[in-house]
């Protein structure tokens, strides 16, 4: 796949979600994001709001909700999402209730996603499904429920689950499930240009990366 550096950068959420990340590291992340022209920075909600002027125009602020386990009460996710938007987040990446998926509690899953979307309507909602946990049929069902509940993206992984991160197979399944109607964010374990290109070829429209600089350095400007 032929991509130049600027085009690839516009598909990247430059990510720093380590819980021990320092304010200085967040500042450095924003400097890098602005220099590279990425789509968004994805940071923990505790570091919001970001300092005014820390990002160049066109780079969004994304944060996480119900992270990383998803095992939070829906009302907690709703309030966390609302607080994030109040503090400047334009995109919310929410981990869904994985136990509800495992138990095939589809109504509860739909309701949770819909409640968060309603609470932050107008904000881009990405639903993290931990794709490595599920077979193709379950992953397809989860993506279809996310679409019906109002999600804007389905996202493979938090990057913290021991089951693993993004895979080409998962992205392919997710794209087949939602067609071109939703975005697909591949995240977790993408550390090389070849891996990034493979995810895009499979249907990813956004990449969650902490190795952004290493990957972009493999491409000509």
Protein backbone atom coordinates (compact mmCIF):
# COMPACT_ATOMS: atom_id res chain seq x y z
CA UNK A 1 0.00 0.00 0.00
CA UNK A 2 1.40 3.38 -1.04
CA UNK A 3 1.16 5.98 1.71
CA UNK A 4 3.19 9.09 2.30
CA UNK A 5 3.97 10.23 5.82
CA UNK A 6 1.34 12.97 5.96
CA UNK A 7 -1.44 10.69 4.72
CA UNK A 8 -0.62 7.98 7.23
CA UNK A 9 -0.37 10.53 10.04
CA UNK A 10 -3.96 11.60 9.42
CA UNK A 11 -5.08 8.07 10.26
CA UNK A 12 -3.28 7.93 13.63
CA UNK A 13 -4.38 8.49 17.20
CA UNK A 14 -1.02 9.19 18.87
CA UNK A 15 -1.54 7.42 22.18
CA UNK A 16 -0.24 7.64 25.73
CA UNK A 17 -2.32 5.62 28.19
CA UNK A 18 0.30 4.30 30.57
CA UNK A 19 -1.12 5.05 34.03
CA UNK A 20 2.26 6.32 35.25
CA UNK A 21 2.64 8.82 32.40
CA UNK A 22 3.89 12.18 33.66
CA UNK A 23 2.75 15.69 32.69
CA UNK A 24 6.04 16.15 30.88
CA UNK A 25 5.35 13.05 28.78
CA UNK A 26 1.88 14.32 27.91
CA UNK A 27 3.37 17.64 26.84
CA UNK A 28 5.91 15.80 24.67
CA UNK A 29 3.10 13.73 23.14
CA UNK A 30 1.27 16.89 22.12
CA UNK A 31 4.42 18.43 20.64
CA UNK A 32 4.98 15.28 18.57
CA UNK A 33 1.34 15.10 17.51
CA UNK A 34 1.39 18.69 16.32
CA UNK A 35 4.65 18.20 14.43
CA UNK A 36 3.42 15.08 12.67
CA UNK A 37 -0.15 16.21 11.97
CA UNK A 38 -1.93 13.18 13.40
CA UNK A 39 -5.69 12.85 13.63
CA UNK A 40 -5.82 12.87 17.44
CA UNK A 41 -3.98 12.37 20.66
CA UNK A 42 -5.48 9.71 22.93
CA UNK A 43 -4.76 10.31 26.62
CA UNK A 44 -6.06 9.28 30.01
CA UNK A 45 -8.97 11.35 31.37
CA UNK A 46 -6.93 12.35 34.41
CA UNK A 47 -4.68 14.57 32.27
CA UNK A 48 -7.57 16.62 30.88
CA UNK A 49 -7.96 19.41 30.10
CA UNK A 50 -4.87 19.80 27.95
CA UNK A 51 -3.18 23.17 28.04
CA UNK A 52 -4.65 25.67 25.56
CA UNK A 53 -2.60 25.77 22.38
CA UNK A 54 -0.86 22.48 23.10
CA UNK A 55 -2.17 20.94 19.87
CA UNK A 56 -2.25 22.34 16.39
CA UNK A 57 -5.60 22.98 14.73
CA UNK A 58 -7.06 19.83 13.25
CA UNK A 59 -5.67 17.46 15.87
CA UNK A 60 -8.45 16.22 18.14
CA UNK A 61 -8.34 15.29 21.81
CA UNK A 62 -9.48 11.72 22.51
CA UNK A 63 -9.76 10.01 25.86
CA UNK A 64 -10.87 6.68 27.29
CA UNK A 65 -13.91 5.68 29.34
CA UNK A 66 -14.45 2.51 31.37
CA UNK A 67 -10.79 1.81 30.81
CA UNK A 68 -9.24 -0.69 30.58
CA UNK A 69 -11.60 -3.41 31.89
CA UNK A 70 -15.01 -2.14 30.82
CA UNK A 71 -16.42 -3.54 34.07
CA UNK A 72 -17.96 -0.28 35.24
CA UNK A 73 -21.59 0.59 35.86
CA UNK A 74 -23.14 2.24 32.79
CA UNK A 75 -23.98 5.35 34.80
CA UNK A 76 -20.29 5.68 35.73
CA UNK A 77 -19.29 5.45 32.07
CA UNK A 78 -21.91 8.06 31.21
CA UNK A 79 -20.64 10.51 33.79
CA UNK A 80 -17.01 9.82 32.91
CA UNK A 81 -17.75 10.51 29.25
CA UNK A 82 -19.62 13.70 30.10
CA UNK A 83 -16.76 14.92 32.30
CA UNK A 84 -14.25 14.20 29.54
CA UNK A 85 -16.23 16.23 27.02
CA UNK A 86 -16.59 19.06 29.52
CA UNK A 87 -12.80 19.05 29.78
CA UNK A 88 -12.17 19.24 26.07
CA UNK A 89 -12.39 15.72 24.65
CA UNK A 90 -13.83 15.58 21.14
CA UNK A 91 -13.57 11.79 20.88
CA UNK A 92 -14.39 9.13 23.48
CA UNK A 93 -13.03 5.56 23.32
CA UNK A 94 -15.21 3.41 25.61
CA UNK A 95 -14.54 -0.16 26.69
CA UNK A 96 -17.81 -2.06 26.67
CA UNK A 97 -18.93 -4.55 29.28
CA UNK A 98 -16.98 -7.63 28.23
CA UNK A 99 -18.88 -9.82 30.65
CA UNK A 100 -22.11 -8.87 28.87
CA UNK A 101 -20.59 -10.04 25.59
CA UNK A 102 -19.40 -13.31 27.11
CA UNK A 103 -22.89 -13.94 28.50
CA UNK A 104 -24.61 -12.88 25.25
CA UNK A 105 -26.47 -10.12 27.12
CA UNK A 106 -27.09 -8.18 23.94
CA UNK A 107 -29.82 -5.90 25.26
CA UNK A 108 -27.59 -4.73 28.12
CA UNK A 109 -24.74 -4.14 25.68
CA UNK A 110 -26.93 -2.10 23.35
CA UNK A 111 -28.33 -0.08 26.23
CA UNK A 112 -24.91 0.77 27.65
CA UNK A 113 -23.54 2.02 24.33
CA UNK A 114 -26.70 3.98 23.58
CA UNK A 115 -26.65 5.65 27.00
CA UNK A 116 -23.09 6.87 26.55
CA UNK A 117 -23.76 8.03 22.99
CA UNK A 118 -26.84 9.93 24.09
CA UNK A 119 -24.93 11.58 26.93
CA UNK A 120 -22.20 12.91 24.64
CA UNK A 121 -24.15 13.27 21.38
CA UNK A 122 -22.05 15.21 18.91
CA UNK A 123 -18.87 13.64 20.24
CA UNK A 124 -17.21 10.85 18.27
CA UNK A 125 -17.77 7.56 20.13
CA UNK A 126 -15.41 4.64 19.55
CA UNK A 127 -16.48 1.34 21.12
CA UNK A 128 -13.61 -0.89 22.29
CA UNK A 129 -14.62 -4.55 21.99
CA UNK A 130 -11.40 -6.50 22.79
CA UNK A 131 -11.63 -8.37 19.51
CA UNK A 132 -9.01 -10.97 20.47
CA UNK A 133 -11.47 -12.50 22.93
CA UNK A 134 -14.19 -13.43 20.44
CA UNK A 135 -14.82 -15.73 17.52
CA UNK A 136 -15.99 -14.29 14.22
CA UNK A 137 -19.70 -14.72 14.93
CA UNK A 138 -19.58 -13.00 18.31
CA UNK A 139 -17.35 -10.19 17.03
CA UNK A 140 -19.75 -9.59 14.15
CA UNK A 141 -22.72 -9.45 16.52
CA UNK A 142 -20.98 -7.00 18.84
CA UNK A 143 -20.11 -4.68 15.97
CA UNK A 144 -23.68 -4.76 14.68
CA UNK A 145 -25.00 -3.90 18.14
CA UNK A 146 -22.53 -1.03 18.45
CA UNK A 147 -23.73 0.34 15.12
CA UNK A 148 -27.39 0.05 16.09
CA UNK A 149 -26.67 1.81 19.41
CA UNK A 150 -25.14 4.81 17.68
CA UNK A 151 -21.38 4.24 17.82
CA UNK A 152 -19.25 6.05 15.26
CA UNK A 153 -16.33 3.58 15.37
CA UNK A 154 -15.66 0.08 16.58
CA UNK A 155 -12.18 -0.38 17.99
CA UNK A 156 -10.28 -3.63 18.36
CA UNK A 157 -8.53 -3.33 21.68
CA UNK A 158 -7.55 -1.35 24.74
CA UNK A 159 -3.97 -2.56 24.39
CA UNK A 160 -4.09 -3.78 28.00
CA UNK A 161 -5.99 -7.07 27.78
CA UNK A 162 -3.86 -10.25 27.98
CA UNK A 163 -5.83 -11.78 25.09
CA UNK A 164 -3.95 -9.49 22.73
CA UNK A 165 -4.38 -6.49 20.48
CA UNK A 166 -5.38 -5.86 16.90
CA UNK A 167 -5.21 -8.49 14.17
CA UNK A 168 -5.84 -8.37 10.45
CA UNK A 169 -8.47 -11.09 10.86
CA UNK A 170 -10.38 -9.08 13.44
CA UNK A 171 -10.28 -5.89 11.40
CA UNK A 172 -11.52 -7.79 8.35
CA UNK A 173 -14.42 -9.22 10.34
CA UNK A 174 -15.29 -5.83 11.81
CA UNK A 175 -15.26 -4.16 8.40
CA UNK A 176 -17.53 -6.85 6.99
CA UNK A 177 -19.92 -6.35 9.91
CA UNK A 178 -20.34 -2.58 9.57
CA UNK A 179 -19.45 -1.97 5.93
CA UNK A 180 -18.48 1.62 5.30
CA UNK A 181 -21.00 2.97 7.80
CA UNK A 182 -18.68 3.07 10.82
CA UNK A 183 -15.01 3.70 11.23
CA UNK A 184 -12.70 0.91 12.34
CA UNK A 185 -9.90 1.68 14.78
CA UNK A 186 -7.13 -0.89 15.01
CA UNK A 187 -5.22 -0.59 18.25
CA UNK A 188 -2.87 -2.71 20.33
CA UNK A 189 0.48 -4.12 19.30
CA UNK A 190 0.93 -2.21 16.02
CA UNK A 191 4.62 -1.36 16.07
CA UNK A 192 5.84 -1.45 12.46
CA UNK A 193 4.93 0.19 9.18
CA UNK A 194 4.12 -3.21 7.68
CA UNK A 195 1.66 -3.93 10.49
CA UNK A 196 0.03 -0.51 10.10
CA UNK A 197 -0.32 -0.98 6.35
CA UNK A 198 -1.84 -4.43 6.83
CA UNK A 199 -4.49 -3.03 9.19
CA UNK A 200 -5.41 -0.30 6.72
CA UNK A 201 -5.60 -2.79 3.86
CA UNK A 202 -7.96 -4.90 5.98
CA UNK A 203 -10.29 -1.95 6.50
CA UNK A 204 -8.99 0.14 9.41
CA UNK A 205 -9.68 3.86 9.08
CA UNK A 206 -7.87 4.86 12.27
CA UNK A 207 -4.83 3.42 14.05
CA UNK A 208 -4.14 3.70 17.77
CA UNK A 209 -0.36 3.90 18.06
CA UNK A 210 2.22 4.59 20.73
CA UNK A 211 5.03 3.80 18.26
CA UNK A 212 3.95 6.62 15.94
CA UNK A 213 7.39 8.13 15.50
CA UNK A 214 9.05 4.82 14.68
CA UNK A 215 6.39 3.97 12.10
CA UNK A 216 6.32 7.37 10.42
CA UNK A 217 10.11 7.37 10.22
CA UNK A 218 9.87 4.38 7.87
CA UNK A 219 8.08 6.54 5.28
CA UNK A 220 9.33 9.32 3.08
CA UNK A 221 7.94 12.76 3.89
